[in-house]
Amino acid sequence: MTRHSWTTEGERNWLSELIPDFLAAQDNKTTSSFWPRVYQGFAEKFPIAAPTADEIKGADDNQELATRHKKKAIEKVWNVSFY
């Protein structure tokens, strides 16, 4: 049985390309400036999917509210605000 990945293949490939930059940031002790660029780049390259019908229904049938809830949930998990 294989493990389920939290990324798509495209996301995984994009993140994998950043490994050399991450290793350099570790060596240079600059990871604190590396991570915000990764989060921002990820958000630009892989925007949040539109809310599902269930998510909209759970937001009182308000698509805009459902979208805001989805963005806030992601920001909470990532502990950043960039959307």
PDB file of N, CA and C in Angstrom:
ATOM      1  N   MET A   1       0.847  -1.181   0.000  1.00  0.00           N
ATOM      2  CA  MET A   1       0.000   0.000   0.000  1.00  0.00           C
ATOM      3  C   MET A   1       0.893   1.245   0.000  1.00  0.00           C
ATOM      4  N   THR A   2       0.582   2.179  -0.876  1.00  0.00           N
ATOM      5  CA  THR A   2       1.375   3.400  -0.950  1.00  0.00           C
ATOM      6  C   THR A   2       0.743   4.486  -0.099  1.00  0.00           C
ATOM      7  N   ARG A   3       1.579   5.391   0.345  1.00  0.00           N
ATOM      8  CA  ARG A   3       1.081   6.528   1.126  1.00  0.00           C
ATOM      9  C   ARG A   3       0.420   7.538   0.210  1.00  0.00           C
ATOM     10  N   HIS A   4      -0.624   8.165   0.712  1.00  0.00           N
ATOM     11  CA  HIS A   4      -1.305   9.223  -0.034  1.00  0.00           C
ATOM     12  C   HIS A   4      -0.521  10.516   0.140  1.00  0.00           C
ATOM     13  N   SER A   5      -0.248  11.201  -0.946  1.00  0.00           N
ATOM     14  CA  SER A   5       0.506  12.443  -0.905  1.00  0.00           C
ATOM     15  C   SER A   5      -0.436  13.622  -0.750  1.00  0.00           C
ATOM     16  N   TRP A   6       0.000  14.643  -0.038  1.00  0.00           N
ATOM     17  CA  TRP A   6      -0.807  15.857   0.112  1.00  0.00           C
ATOM     18  C   TRP A   6      -0.653  16.771  -1.095  1.00  0.00           C
ATOM     19  N   THR A   7       0.273  16.432  -1.986  1.00  0.00           N
ATOM     20  CA  THR A   7       0.500  17.256  -3.176  1.00  0.00           C
ATOM     21  C   THR A   7       0.064  16.516  -4.426  1.00  0.00           C
ATOM     22  N   THR A   8      -0.187  17.295  -5.458  1.00  0.00           N
ATOM     23  CA  THR A   8      -0.383  16.705  -6.775  1.00  0.00           C
ATOM     24  C   THR A   8       1.005  16.438  -7.351  1.00  0.00           C
ATOM     25  N   GLU A   9       1.063  15.756  -8.469  1.00  0.00           N
ATOM     26  CA  GLU A   9       2.360  15.497  -9.100  1.00  0.00           C
ATOM     27  C   GLU A   9       3.033  16.813  -9.504  1.00  0.00           C
ATOM     28  N   GLY A  10       2.254  17.752 -10.052  1.00  0.00           N
ATOM     29  CA  GLY A  10       2.809  19.045 -10.449  1.00  0.00           C
ATOM     30  C   GLY A  10       3.349  19.829  -9.257  1.00  0.00           C
ATOM     31  N   GLU A  11       2.605  19.817  -8.148  1.00  0.00           N
ATOM     32  CA  GLU A  11       3.071  20.511  -6.943  1.00  0.00           C
ATOM     33  C   GLU A  11       4.349  19.876  -6.405  1.00  0.00           C
ATOM     34  N   ARG A  12       4.361  18.551  -6.384  1.00  0.00           N
ATOM     35  CA  ARG A  12       5.538  17.821  -5.896  1.00  0.00           C
ATOM     36  C   ARG A  12       6.761  18.125  -6.761  1.00  0.00           C
ATOM     37  N   ASN A  13       6.583  18.149  -8.083  1.00  0.00           N
ATOM     38  CA  ASN A  13       7.698  18.459  -8.979  1.00  0.00           C
ATOM     39  C   ASN A  13       8.212  19.875  -8.732  1.00  0.00           C
ATOM     40  N   TRP A  14       7.288  20.825  -8.592  1.00  0.00           N
ATOM     41  CA  TRP A  14       7.672  22.219  -8.351  1.00  0.00           C
ATOM     42  C   TRP A  14       8.441  22.336  -7.042  1.00  0.00           C
ATOM     43  N   LEU A  15       7.936  21.711  -5.994  1.00  0.00           N
ATOM     44  CA  LEU A  15       8.619  21.768  -4.698  1.00  0.00           C
ATOM     45  C   LEU A  15       9.982  21.070  -4.761  1.00  0.00           C
ATOM     46  N   SER A  16      10.053  19.973  -5.473  1.00  0.00           N
ATOM     47  CA  SER A  16      11.322  19.241  -5.583  1.00  0.00           C
ATOM     48  C   SER A  16      12.399  20.091  -6.247  1.00  0.00           C
ATOM     49  N   GLU A  17      11.992  20.938  -7.186  1.00  0.00           N
ATOM     50  CA  GLU A  17      12.963  21.817  -7.844  1.00  0.00           C
ATOM     51  C   GLU A  17      13.579  22.832  -6.874  1.00  0.00           C
ATOM     52  N   LEU A  18      12.920  23.053  -5.754  1.00  0.00           N
ATOM     53  CA  LEU A  18      13.411  24.025  -4.770  1.00  0.00           C
ATOM     54  C   LEU A  18      14.387  23.426  -3.761  1.00  0.00           C
ATOM     55  N   ILE A  19      14.601  22.128  -3.812  1.00  0.00           N
ATOM     56  CA  ILE A  19      15.479  21.485  -2.825  1.00  0.00           C
ATOM     57  C   ILE A  19      16.881  22.088  -2.814  1.00  0.00           C
ATOM     58  N   PRO A  20      17.526  22.312  -3.958  1.00  0.00           N
ATOM     59  CA  PRO A  20      18.862  22.928  -3.905  1.00  0.00           C
ATOM     60  C   PRO A  20      18.841  24.311  -3.236  1.00  0.00           C
ATOM     61  N   ASP A  21      17.797  25.104  -3.513  1.00  0.00           N
ATOM     62  CA  ASP A  21      17.682  26.426  -2.885  1.00  0.00           C
ATOM     63  C   ASP A  21      17.483  26.299  -1.371  1.00  0.00           C
ATOM     64  N   PHE A  22      16.688  25.301  -0.970  1.00  0.00           N
ATOM     65  CA  PHE A  22      16.472  25.078   0.453  1.00  0.00           C
ATOM     66  C   PHE A  22      17.774  24.684   1.145  1.00  0.00           C
ATOM     67  N   LEU A  23      18.520  23.783   0.531  1.00  0.00           N
ATOM     68  CA  LEU A  23      19.787  23.350   1.129  1.00  0.00           C
ATOM     69  C   LEU A  23      20.762  24.516   1.242  1.00  0.00           C
ATOM     70  N   ALA A  24      20.784  25.368   0.228  1.00  0.00           N
ATOM     71  CA  ALA A  24      21.641  26.560   0.278  1.00  0.00           C
ATOM     72  C   ALA A  24      21.180  27.495   1.396  1.00  0.00           C
ATOM     73  N   ALA A  25      19.859  27.657   1.541  1.00  0.00           N
ATOM     74  CA  ALA A  25      19.333  28.519   2.604  1.00  0.00           C
ATOM     75  C   ALA A  25      19.690  27.953   3.976  1.00  0.00           C
ATOM     76  N   GLN A  26      19.657  26.647   4.112  1.00  0.00           N
ATOM     77  CA  GLN A  26      20.076  26.030   5.376  1.00  0.00           C
ATOM     78  C   GLN A  26      21.549  26.332   5.651  1.00  0.00           C
ATOM     79  N   ASP A  27      22.388  26.105   4.645  1.00  0.00           N
ATOM     80  CA  ASP A  27      23.825  26.348   4.807  1.00  0.00           C
ATOM     81  C   ASP A  27      24.105  27.801   5.163  1.00  0.00           C
ATOM     82  N   ASN A  28      23.348  28.715   4.549  1.00  0.00           N
ATOM     83  CA  ASN A  28      23.565  30.145   4.764  1.00  0.00           C
ATOM     84  C   ASN A  28      22.755  30.714   5.923  1.00  0.00           C
ATOM     85  N   LYS A  29      21.993  29.831   6.584  1.00  0.00           N
ATOM     86  CA  LYS A  29      21.129  30.250   7.695  1.00  0.00           C
ATOM     87  C   LYS A  29      20.156  31.361   7.275  1.00  0.00           C
ATOM     88  N   THR A  30      19.551  31.165   6.096  1.00  0.00           N
ATOM     89  CA  THR A  30      18.600  32.146   5.567  1.00  0.00           C
ATOM     90  C   THR A  30      17.235  31.513   5.279  1.00  0.00           C
ATOM     91  N   THR A  31      16.909  30.444   5.989  1.00  0.00           N
ATOM     92  CA  THR A  31      15.614  29.800   5.744  1.00  0.00           C
ATOM     93  C   THR A  31      14.448  30.723   6.101  1.00  0.00           C
ATOM     94  N   SER A  32      14.663  31.664   7.016  1.00  0.00           N
ATOM     95  CA  SER A  32      13.563  32.568   7.387  1.00  0.00           C
ATOM     96  C   SER A  32      13.142  33.449   6.209  1.00  0.00           C
ATOM     97  N   SER A  33      14.026  33.708   5.279  1.00  0.00           N
ATOM     98  CA  SER A  33      13.628  34.463   4.085  1.00  0.00           C
ATOM     99  C   SER A  33      13.275  33.529   2.923  1.00  0.00           C
ATOM    100  N   PHE A  34      13.697  32.285   3.000  1.00  0.00           N
ATOM    101  CA  PHE A  34      13.394  31.300   1.963  1.00  0.00           C
ATOM    102  C   PHE A  34      11.918  30.916   1.984  1.00  0.00           C
ATOM    103  N   TRP A  35      11.391  30.600   3.176  1.00  0.00           N
ATOM    104  CA  TRP A  35      10.026  30.072   3.276  1.00  0.00           C
ATOM    105  C   TRP A  35       8.950  31.019   2.786  1.00  0.00           C
ATOM    106  N   PRO A  36       8.974  32.301   3.116  1.00  0.00           N
ATOM    107  CA  PRO A  36       7.919  33.173   2.580  1.00  0.00           C
ATOM    108  C   PRO A  36       7.879  33.184   1.048  1.00  0.00           C
ATOM    109  N   ARG A  37       9.042  33.113   0.408  1.00  0.00           N
ATOM    110  CA  ARG A  37       9.075  33.062  -1.065  1.00  0.00           C
ATOM    111  C   ARG A  37       8.446  31.763  -1.577  1.00  0.00           C
ATOM    112  N   VAL A  38       8.677  30.670  -0.853  1.00  0.00           N
ATOM    113  CA  VAL A  38       8.083  29.390  -1.255  1.00  0.00           C
ATOM    114  C   VAL A  38       6.564  29.463  -1.136  1.00  0.00           C
ATOM    115  N   TYR A  39       6.068  29.953  -0.011  1.00  0.00           N
ATOM    116  CA  TYR A  39       4.620  30.053   0.185  1.00  0.00           C
ATOM    117  C   TYR A  39       3.982  30.927  -0.880  1.00  0.00           C
ATOM    118  N   GLN A  40       4.587  32.069  -1.145  1.00  0.00           N
ATOM    119  CA  GLN A  40       4.039  32.992  -2.137  1.00  0.00           C
ATOM    120  C   GLN A  40       4.063  32.370  -3.530  1.00  0.00           C
ATOM    121  N   GLY A  41       5.186  31.763  -3.881  1.00  0.00           N
ATOM    122  CA  GLY A  41       5.290  31.116  -5.191  1.00  0.00           C
ATOM    123  C   GLY A  41       4.299  29.984  -5.354  1.00  0.00           C
ATOM    124  N   PHE A  42       4.115  29.202  -4.293  1.00  0.00           N
ATOM    125  CA  PHE A  42       3.173  28.087  -4.331  1.00  0.00           C
ATOM    126  C   PHE A  42       1.757  28.618  -4.543  1.00  0.00           C
ATOM    127  N   ALA A  43       1.406  29.664  -3.803  1.00  0.00           N
ATOM    128  CA  ALA A  43       0.067  30.242  -3.910  1.00  0.00           C
ATOM    129  C   ALA A  43      -0.194  30.797  -5.303  1.00  0.00           C
ATOM    130  N   GLU A  44       0.818  31.378  -5.911  1.00  0.00           N
ATOM    131  CA  GLU A  44       0.660  31.931  -7.262  1.00  0.00           C
ATOM    132  C   GLU A  44       0.554  30.827  -8.308  1.00  0.00           C
ATOM    133  N   LYS A  45       1.366  29.800  -8.153  1.00  0.00           N
ATOM    134  CA  LYS A  45       1.405  28.720  -9.144  1.00  0.00           C
ATOM    135  C   LYS A  45       0.216  27.763  -9.012  1.00  0.00           C
ATOM    136  N   PHE A  46      -0.237  27.559  -7.777  1.00  0.00           N
ATOM    137  CA  PHE A  46      -1.301  26.591  -7.507  1.00  0.00           C
ATOM    138  C   PHE A  46      -2.398  27.256  -6.678  1.00  0.00           C
ATOM    139  N   PRO A  47      -3.230  28.070  -7.320  1.00  0.00           N
ATOM    140  CA  PRO A  47      -4.278  28.775  -6.576  1.00  0.00           C
ATOM    141  C   PRO A  47      -5.267  27.802  -5.932  1.00  0.00           C
ATOM    142  N   ILE A  48      -5.941  28.291  -4.920  1.00  0.00           N
ATOM    143  CA  ILE A  48      -6.930  27.481  -4.212  1.00  0.00           C
ATOM    144  C   ILE A  48      -8.071  27.136  -5.160  1.00  0.00           C
ATOM    145  N   ALA A  49      -8.491  25.890  -5.096  1.00  0.00           N
ATOM    146  CA  ALA A  49      -9.626  25.450  -5.914  1.00  0.00           C
ATOM    147  C   ALA A  49     -10.898  26.144  -5.437  1.00  0.00           C
ATOM    148  N   ALA A  50     -11.819  26.322  -6.351  1.00  0.00           N
ATOM    149  CA  ALA A  50     -13.106  26.914  -5.989  1.00  0.00           C
ATOM    150  C   ALA A  50     -13.778  26.040  -4.934  1.00  0.00           C
ATOM    151  N   PRO A  51     -14.571  26.650  -4.069  1.00  0.00           N
ATOM    152  CA  PRO A  51     -15.241  25.853  -3.044  1.00  0.00           C
ATOM    153  C   PRO A  51     -16.210  24.846  -3.664  1.00  0.00           C
ATOM    154  N   THR A  52     -16.332  23.717  -3.006  1.00  0.00           N
ATOM    155  CA  THR A  52     -17.260  22.678  -3.469  1.00  0.00           C
ATOM    156  C   THR A  52     -18.688  23.075  -3.117  1.00  0.00           C
ATOM    157  N   ALA A  53     -19.634  22.354  -3.678  1.00  0.00           N
ATOM    158  CA  ALA A  53     -21.047  22.623  -3.379  1.00  0.00           C
ATOM    159  C   ALA A  53     -21.315  22.466  -1.882  1.00  0.00           C
ATOM    160  N   ASP A  54     -20.707  21.460  -1.263  1.00  0.00           N
ATOM    161  CA  ASP A  54     -20.890  21.255   0.180  1.00  0.00           C
ATOM    162  C   ASP A  54     -20.291  22.399   0.986  1.00  0.00           C
ATOM    163  N   GLU A  55     -19.128  22.902   0.554  1.00  0.00           N
ATOM    164  CA  GLU A  55     -18.507  24.028   1.259  1.00  0.00           C
ATOM    165  C   GLU A  55     -19.369  25.285   1.129  1.00  0.00           C
ATOM    166  N   ILE A  56     -19.956  25.487  -0.037  1.00  0.00           N
ATOM    167  CA  ILE A  56     -20.831  26.648  -0.237  1.00  0.00           C
ATOM    168  C   ILE A  56     -22.089  26.503   0.620  1.00  0.00           C
ATOM    169  N   LYS A  57     -22.648  25.308   0.631  1.00  0.00           N
ATOM    170  CA  LYS A  57     -23.841  25.072   1.445  1.00  0.00           C
ATOM    171  C   LYS A  57     -23.542  25.327   2.918  1.00  0.00           C
ATOM    172  N   GLY A  58     -22.350  24.909   3.371  1.00  0.00           N
ATOM    173  CA  GLY A  58     -21.953  25.114   4.760  1.00  0.00           C
ATOM    174  C   GLY A  58     -21.689  26.573   5.095  1.00  0.00           C
ATOM    175  N   ALA A  59     -21.596  27.405   4.084  1.00  0.00           N
ATOM    176  CA  ALA A  59     -21.379  28.845   4.270  1.00  0.00           C
ATOM    177  C   ALA A  59     -22.653  29.607   3.914  1.00  0.00           C
ATOM    178  N   ASP A  60     -23.786  29.029   4.264  1.00  0.00           N
ATOM    179  CA  ASP A  60     -25.083  29.661   4.023  1.00  0.00           C
ATOM    180  C   ASP A  60     -25.313  29.986   2.550  1.00  0.00           C
ATOM    181  N   ASP A  61     -24.880  29.076   1.686  1.00  0.00           N
ATOM    182  CA  ASP A  61     -25.034  29.234   0.231  1.00  0.00           C
ATOM    183  C   ASP A  61     -24.368  30.497  -0.314  1.00  0.00           C
ATOM    184  N   ASN A  62     -23.306  30.917   0.350  1.00  0.00           N
ATOM    185  CA  ASN A  62     -22.583  32.124  -0.053  1.00  0.00           C
ATOM    186  C   ASN A  62     -21.208  31.712  -0.561  1.00  0.00           C
ATOM    187  N   GLN A  63     -21.007  31.765  -1.877  1.00  0.00           N
ATOM    188  CA  GLN A  63     -19.740  31.316  -2.462  1.00  0.00           C
ATOM    189  C   GLN A  63     -18.564  32.161  -1.987  1.00  0.00           C
ATOM    190  N   GLU A  64     -18.746  33.463  -1.887  1.00  0.00           N
ATOM    191  CA  GLU A  64     -17.662  34.338  -1.432  1.00  0.00           C
ATOM    192  C   GLU A  64     -17.247  34.000  -0.001  1.00  0.00           C
ATOM    193  N   LEU A  65     -18.223  33.750   0.853  1.00  0.00           N
ATOM    194  CA  LEU A  65     -17.928  33.375   2.238  1.00  0.00           C
ATOM    195  C   LEU A  65     -17.223  32.019   2.290  1.00  0.00           C
ATOM    196  N   ALA A  66     -17.670  31.079   1.481  1.00  0.00           N
ATOM    197  CA  ALA A  66     -17.034  29.759   1.433  1.00  0.00           C
ATOM    198  C   ALA A  66     -15.582  29.870   0.982  1.00  0.00           C
ATOM    199  N   THR A  67     -15.316  30.747   0.016  1.00  0.00           N
ATOM    200  CA  THR A  67     -13.952  30.965  -0.457  1.00  0.00           C
ATOM    201  C   THR A  67     -13.091  31.547   0.653  1.00  0.00           C
ATOM    202  N   ARG A  68     -13.626  32.536   1.380  1.00  0.00           N
ATOM    203  CA  ARG A  68     -12.867  33.128   2.490  1.00  0.00           C
ATOM    204  C   ARG A  68     -12.568  32.093   3.567  1.00  0.00           C
ATOM    205  N   HIS A  69     -13.538  31.245   3.874  1.00  0.00           N
ATOM    206  CA  HIS A  69     -13.326  30.183   4.878  1.00  0.00           C
ATOM    207  C   HIS A  69     -12.215  29.233   4.428  1.00  0.00           C
ATOM    208  N   LYS A  70     -12.230  28.886   3.156  1.00  0.00           N
ATOM    209  CA  LYS A  70     -11.221  27.969   2.620  1.00  0.00           C
ATOM    210  C   LYS A  70      -9.829  28.589   2.706  1.00  0.00           C
ATOM    211  N   LYS A  71      -9.721  29.868   2.350  1.00  0.00           N
ATOM    212  CA  LYS A  71      -8.430  30.554   2.417  1.00  0.00           C
ATOM    213  C   LYS A  71      -7.937  30.650   3.856  1.00  0.00           C
ATOM    214  N   LYS A  72      -8.839  30.985   4.771  1.00  0.00           N
ATOM    215  CA  LYS A  72      -8.444  31.092   6.185  1.00  0.00           C
ATOM    216  C   LYS A  72      -7.968  29.754   6.724  1.00  0.00           C
ATOM    217  N   ALA A  73      -8.609  28.670   6.320  1.00  0.00           N
ATOM    218  CA  ALA A  73      -8.207  27.344   6.775  1.00  0.00           C
ATOM    219  C   ALA A  73      -6.792  27.021   6.304  1.00  0.00           C
ATOM    220  N   ILE A  74      -6.484  27.382   5.063  1.00  0.00           N
ATOM    221  CA  ILE A  74      -5.142  27.134   4.538  1.00  0.00           C
ATOM    222  C   ILE A  74      -4.116  28.003   5.253  1.00  0.00           C
ATOM    223  N   GLU A  75      -4.444  29.261   5.477  1.00  0.00           N
ATOM    224  CA  GLU A  75      -3.527  30.151   6.199  1.00  0.00           C
ATOM    225  C   GLU A  75      -3.257  29.625   7.600  1.00  0.00           C
ATOM    226  N   LYS A  76      -4.273  29.062   8.238  1.00  0.00           N
ATOM    227  CA  LYS A  76      -4.100  28.523   9.591  1.00  0.00           C
ATOM    228  C   LYS A  76      -3.146  27.325   9.577  1.00  0.00           C
ATOM    229  N   VAL A  77      -3.313  26.468   8.593  1.00  0.00           N
ATOM    230  CA  VAL A  77      -2.442  25.286   8.491  1.00  0.00           C
ATOM    231  C   VAL A  77      -1.007  25.710   8.207  1.00  0.00           C
ATOM    232  N   TRP A  78      -0.840  26.644   7.280  1.00  0.00           N
ATOM    233  CA  TRP A  78       0.497  27.080   6.884  1.00  0.00           C
ATOM    234  C   TRP A  78       1.055  28.149   7.813  1.00  0.00           C
ATOM    235  N   ASN A  79       0.198  28.703   8.646  1.00  0.00           N
ATOM    236  CA  ASN A  79       0.592  29.766   9.590  1.00  0.00           C
ATOM    237  C   ASN A  79       1.170  30.973   8.861  1.00  0.00           C
ATOM    238  N   VAL A  80       0.547  31.329   7.755  1.00  0.00           N
ATOM    239  CA  VAL A  80       0.948  32.498   6.977  1.00  0.00           C
ATOM    240  C   VAL A  80      -0.298  33.172   6.440  1.00  0.00           C
ATOM    241  N   SER A  81      -0.147  34.394   6.008  1.00  0.00           N
ATOM    242  CA  SER A  81      -1.231  35.100   5.354  1.00  0.00           C
ATOM    243  C   SER A  81      -0.712  35.635   4.027  1.00  0.00           C
ATOM    244  N   PHE A  82      -1.163  35.046   2.935  1.00  0.00           N
ATOM    245  CA  PHE A  82      -0.666  35.475   1.641  1.00  0.00           C
ATOM    246  C   PHE A  82      -1.718  35.455   0.567  1.00  0.00           C
ATOM    247  N   TYR A  83      -2.901  34.992   0.834  1.00  0.00           N
ATOM    248  CA  TYR A  83      -3.952  34.952  -0.188  1.00  0.00           C
ATOM    249  C   TYR A  83      -4.763  36.208  -0.138  1.00  0.00           C
TER     250      TYR A  83
END
